Amino acid sequence: MAECIWKAHWLAFLGYAWTPYILSALALAELVTDQLPKTPSRKVPMQFGARIVSGGLCGTALGASGGTWIAGLVAGVIGAIGGYEFRTRLVARSGGRDLPIALLEDAIAIGGAFLIVTSFS
């Protein structure tokens, strides 16, 4: 357990007082900009990389609390990539209507995050 804490000490910034406010503002900005018609594809390297990194970071943080930071990292990266595939397939099945699927995806992400965070408290 001490080894897990040592390896995840770089995540200590997540416990700072301002971190929830900053990350919440960034999440809200992402929710809004994701709905805009001029938002580029999620496969643009910069955006796709950012999604993979943020998914991995979130997974690592959740996994570290239980001593399984590597499993959390892998799950976060898979979730980031899988989210793209999920949305792409649903949009194709809905006849190309992206906005309803984007809103559904956001609702699933917010609900899932709420369930995960409340199960750790």
C-alpha atoms as a PDB file:
ATOM      1  CA  MET A   1       0.000   0.000   0.000  1.00  0.00           C
ATOM      2  CA  ALA A   2       2.864   2.385   0.803  1.00  0.00           C
ATOM      3  CA  GLU A   3       4.257   1.791  -2.688  1.00  0.00           C
ATOM      4  CA  CYS A   4       0.891   2.761  -4.234  1.00  0.00           C
ATOM      5  CA  ILE A   5       0.759   5.976  -2.222  1.00  0.00           C
ATOM      6  CA  TRP A   6       4.325   6.815  -3.189  1.00  0.00           C
ATOM      7  CA  LYS A   7       3.633   6.286  -6.884  1.00  0.00           C
ATOM      8  CA  ALA A   8       0.459   8.395  -6.825  1.00  0.00           C
ATOM      9  CA  HIS A   9       1.793  11.323  -4.767  1.00  0.00           C
ATOM     10  CA  TRP A  10       1.929  13.389  -7.947  1.00  0.00           C
ATOM     11  CA  LEU A  11      -1.887  13.312  -7.881  1.00  0.00           C
ATOM     12  CA  ALA A  12      -1.911  15.370  -4.685  1.00  0.00           C
ATOM     13  CA  PHE A  13      -2.950  18.456  -6.675  1.00  0.00           C
ATOM     14  CA  LEU A  14      -6.390  16.856  -6.987  1.00  0.00           C
ATOM     15  CA  GLY A  15      -6.883  17.490  -3.267  1.00  0.00           C
ATOM     16  CA  TYR A  16      -6.183  21.223  -3.400  1.00  0.00           C
ATOM     17  CA  ALA A  17      -9.067  23.544  -2.520  1.00  0.00           C
ATOM     18  CA  TRP A  18      -9.303  25.196  -5.958  1.00  0.00           C
ATOM     19  CA  THR A  19      -8.975  22.010  -8.020  1.00  0.00           C
ATOM     20  CA  PRO A  20     -12.695  21.057  -8.016  1.00  0.00           C
ATOM     21  CA  TYR A  21     -13.668  24.551  -9.159  1.00  0.00           C
ATOM     22  CA  ILE A  22     -11.081  24.678 -11.931  1.00  0.00           C
ATOM     23  CA  LEU A  23     -11.872  21.169 -13.187  1.00  0.00           C
ATOM     24  CA  SER A  24     -15.624  21.824 -12.995  1.00  0.00           C
ATOM     25  CA  ALA A  25     -15.233  24.985 -15.072  1.00  0.00           C
ATOM     26  CA  LEU A  26     -13.159  23.083 -17.630  1.00  0.00           C
ATOM     27  CA  ALA A  27     -15.740  20.287 -17.738  1.00  0.00           C
ATOM     28  CA  LEU A  28     -18.572  22.769 -18.308  1.00  0.00           C
ATOM     29  CA  ALA A  29     -16.586  24.451 -21.079  1.00  0.00           C
ATOM     30  CA  GLU A  30     -16.031  21.059 -22.702  1.00  0.00           C
ATOM     31  CA  LEU A  31     -19.732  20.206 -22.440  1.00  0.00           C
ATOM     32  CA  VAL A  32     -20.658  23.444 -24.199  1.00  0.00           C
ATOM     33  CA  THR A  33     -17.974  23.425 -26.885  1.00  0.00           C
ATOM     34  CA  ASP A  34     -18.640  19.757 -27.658  1.00  0.00           C
ATOM     35  CA  GLN A  35     -22.158  20.703 -28.788  1.00  0.00           C
ATOM     36  CA  LEU A  36     -21.059  23.474 -31.154  1.00  0.00           C
ATOM     37  CA  PRO A  37     -21.294  22.745 -34.890  1.00  0.00           C
ATOM     38  CA  LYS A  38     -17.761  24.021 -35.582  1.00  0.00           C
ATOM     39  CA  THR A  39     -16.125  21.754 -33.010  1.00  0.00           C
ATOM     40  CA  PRO A  40     -13.615  19.558 -34.857  1.00  0.00           C
ATOM     41  CA  SER A  41     -13.670  15.778 -34.833  1.00  0.00           C
ATOM     42  CA  ARG A  42     -12.718  13.991 -31.643  1.00  0.00           C
ATOM     43  CA  LYS A  43     -10.078  12.182 -33.680  1.00  0.00           C
ATOM     44  CA  VAL A  44      -8.062  15.372 -34.188  1.00  0.00           C
ATOM     45  CA  PRO A  45      -4.761  14.354 -32.550  1.00  0.00           C
ATOM     46  CA  MET A  46      -4.746  17.201 -30.006  1.00  0.00           C
ATOM     47  CA  GLN A  47      -8.311  16.543 -28.806  1.00  0.00           C
ATOM     48  CA  PHE A  48      -8.040  12.766 -28.928  1.00  0.00           C
ATOM     49  CA  GLY A  49      -4.763  12.881 -27.004  1.00  0.00           C
ATOM     50  CA  ALA A  50      -6.263  15.183 -24.401  1.00  0.00           C
ATOM     51  CA  ARG A  51      -9.217  12.812 -23.950  1.00  0.00           C
ATOM     52  CA  ILE A  52      -6.905   9.836 -23.503  1.00  0.00           C
ATOM     53  CA  VAL A  53      -4.694  11.704 -21.014  1.00  0.00           C
ATOM     54  CA  SER A  54      -7.644  13.019 -18.987  1.00  0.00           C
ATOM     55  CA  GLY A  55      -9.306   9.598 -18.980  1.00  0.00           C
ATOM     56  CA  GLY A  56      -6.080   7.996 -17.824  1.00  0.00           C
ATOM     57  CA  LEU A  57      -5.585  10.638 -15.138  1.00  0.00           C
ATOM     58  CA  CYS A  58      -9.106  10.186 -13.785  1.00  0.00           C
ATOM     59  CA  GLY A  59      -8.774   6.402 -13.840  1.00  0.00           C
ATOM     60  CA  THR A  60      -5.407   6.569 -12.107  1.00  0.00           C
ATOM     61  CA  ALA A  61      -6.767   8.831  -9.381  1.00  0.00           C
ATOM     62  CA  LEU A  62      -9.719   6.552  -8.704  1.00  0.00           C
ATOM     63  CA  GLY A  63      -7.605   3.410  -8.909  1.00  0.00           C
ATOM     64  CA  ALA A  64      -4.923   4.813  -6.589  1.00  0.00           C
ATOM     65  CA  SER A  65      -7.427   5.172  -3.774  1.00  0.00           C
ATOM     66  CA  GLY A  66      -7.881   1.408  -3.828  1.00  0.00           C
ATOM     67  CA  GLY A  67      -4.281   0.474  -4.548  1.00  0.00           C
ATOM     68  CA  THR A  68      -4.942  -0.394  -8.195  1.00  0.00           C
ATOM     69  CA  TRP A  69      -3.698   2.673 -10.040  1.00  0.00           C
ATOM     70  CA  ILE A  70      -2.518   0.722 -13.098  1.00  0.00           C
ATOM     71  CA  ALA A  71      -5.950  -0.889 -13.547  1.00  0.00           C
ATOM     72  CA  GLY A  72      -7.521   2.559 -13.122  1.00  0.00           C
ATOM     73  CA  LEU A  73      -5.191   4.030 -15.728  1.00  0.00           C
ATOM     74  CA  VAL A  74      -6.035   1.305 -18.234  1.00  0.00           C
ATOM     75  CA  ALA A  75      -9.771   1.586 -17.550  1.00  0.00           C
ATOM     76  CA  GLY A  76      -9.646   5.380 -17.958  1.00  0.00           C
ATOM     77  CA  VAL A  77      -7.841   5.151 -21.306  1.00  0.00           C
ATOM     78  CA  ILE A  78     -10.207   2.445 -22.553  1.00  0.00           C
ATOM     79  CA  GLY A  79     -13.162   4.559 -21.430  1.00  0.00           C
ATOM     80  CA  ALA A  80     -11.860   7.584 -23.324  1.00  0.00           C
ATOM     81  CA  ILE A  81     -11.413   5.602 -26.521  1.00  0.00           C
ATOM     82  CA  GLY A  82     -14.621   3.618 -26.031  1.00  0.00           C
ATOM     83  CA  GLY A  83     -16.639   6.791 -25.507  1.00  0.00           C
ATOM     84  CA  TYR A  84     -15.678   7.948 -28.978  1.00  0.00           C
ATOM     85  CA  GLU A  85     -16.649   4.618 -30.543  1.00  0.00           C
ATOM     86  CA  PHE A  86     -19.928   4.516 -28.614  1.00  0.00           C
ATOM     87  CA  ARG A  87     -20.950   7.962 -29.803  1.00  0.00           C
ATOM     88  CA  THR A  88     -19.870   7.342 -33.409  1.00  0.00           C
ATOM     89  CA  ARG A  89     -21.926   4.154 -33.652  1.00  0.00           C
ATOM     90  CA  LEU A  90     -25.008   5.697 -32.055  1.00  0.00           C
ATOM     91  CA  VAL A  91     -24.859   8.692 -34.403  1.00  0.00           C
ATOM     92  CA  ALA A  92     -24.654   6.337 -37.396  1.00  0.00           C
ATOM     93  CA  ARG A  93     -27.671   4.365 -36.143  1.00  0.00           C
ATOM     94  CA  SER A  94     -29.679   7.525 -35.528  1.00  0.00           C
ATOM     95  CA  GLY A  95     -29.322   8.669 -39.114  1.00  0.00           C
ATOM     96  CA  GLY A  96     -26.472  11.084 -38.499  1.00  0.00           C
ATOM     97  CA  ARG A  97     -28.197  13.240 -35.874  1.00  0.00           C
ATOM     98  CA  ASP A  98     -25.323  14.156 -33.569  1.00  0.00           C
ATOM     99  CA  LEU A  99     -26.881  16.567 -31.041  1.00  0.00           C
ATOM    100  CA  PRO A 100     -29.299  14.097 -29.389  1.00  0.00           C
ATOM    101  CA  ILE A 101     -26.523  11.527 -29.125  1.00  0.00           C
ATOM    102  CA  ALA A 102     -24.113  14.143 -27.751  1.00  0.00           C
ATOM    103  CA  LEU A 103     -26.628  15.055 -25.052  1.00  0.00           C
ATOM    104  CA  LEU A 104     -27.215  11.370 -24.252  1.00  0.00           C
ATOM    105  CA  GLU A 105     -23.479  10.796 -24.015  1.00  0.00           C
ATOM    106  CA  ASP A 106     -23.108  13.770 -21.670  1.00  0.00           C
ATOM    107  CA  ALA A 107     -25.939  12.509 -19.464  1.00  0.00           C
ATOM    108  CA  ILE A 108     -24.315   9.062 -19.269  1.00  0.00           C
ATOM    109  CA  ALA A 109     -20.911  10.578 -18.465  1.00  0.00           C
ATOM    110  CA  ILE A 110     -22.280  12.862 -15.751  1.00  0.00           C
ATOM    111  CA  GLY A 111     -24.447  10.126 -14.241  1.00  0.00           C
ATOM    112  CA  GLY A 112     -21.612   7.608 -14.350  1.00  0.00           C
ATOM    113  CA  ALA A 113     -19.184  10.074 -12.767  1.00  0.00           C
ATOM    114  CA  PHE A 114     -21.699  10.820 -10.021  1.00  0.00           C
ATOM    115  CA  LEU A 115     -22.147   7.113  -9.281  1.00  0.00           C
ATOM    116  CA  ILE A 116     -18.415   6.467  -9.242  1.00  0.00           C
ATOM    117  CA  VAL A 117     -17.567   9.415  -7.028  1.00  0.00           C
ATOM    118  CA  THR A 118     -20.361   8.737  -4.542  1.00  0.00           C
ATOM    119  CA  SER A 119     -19.371   5.074  -4.270  1.00  0.00           C
ATOM    120  CA  PHE A 120     -15.886   6.143  -3.121  1.00  0.00           C
ATOM    121  CA  SER A 121     -17.169   8.413  -0.369  1.00  0.00           C
END
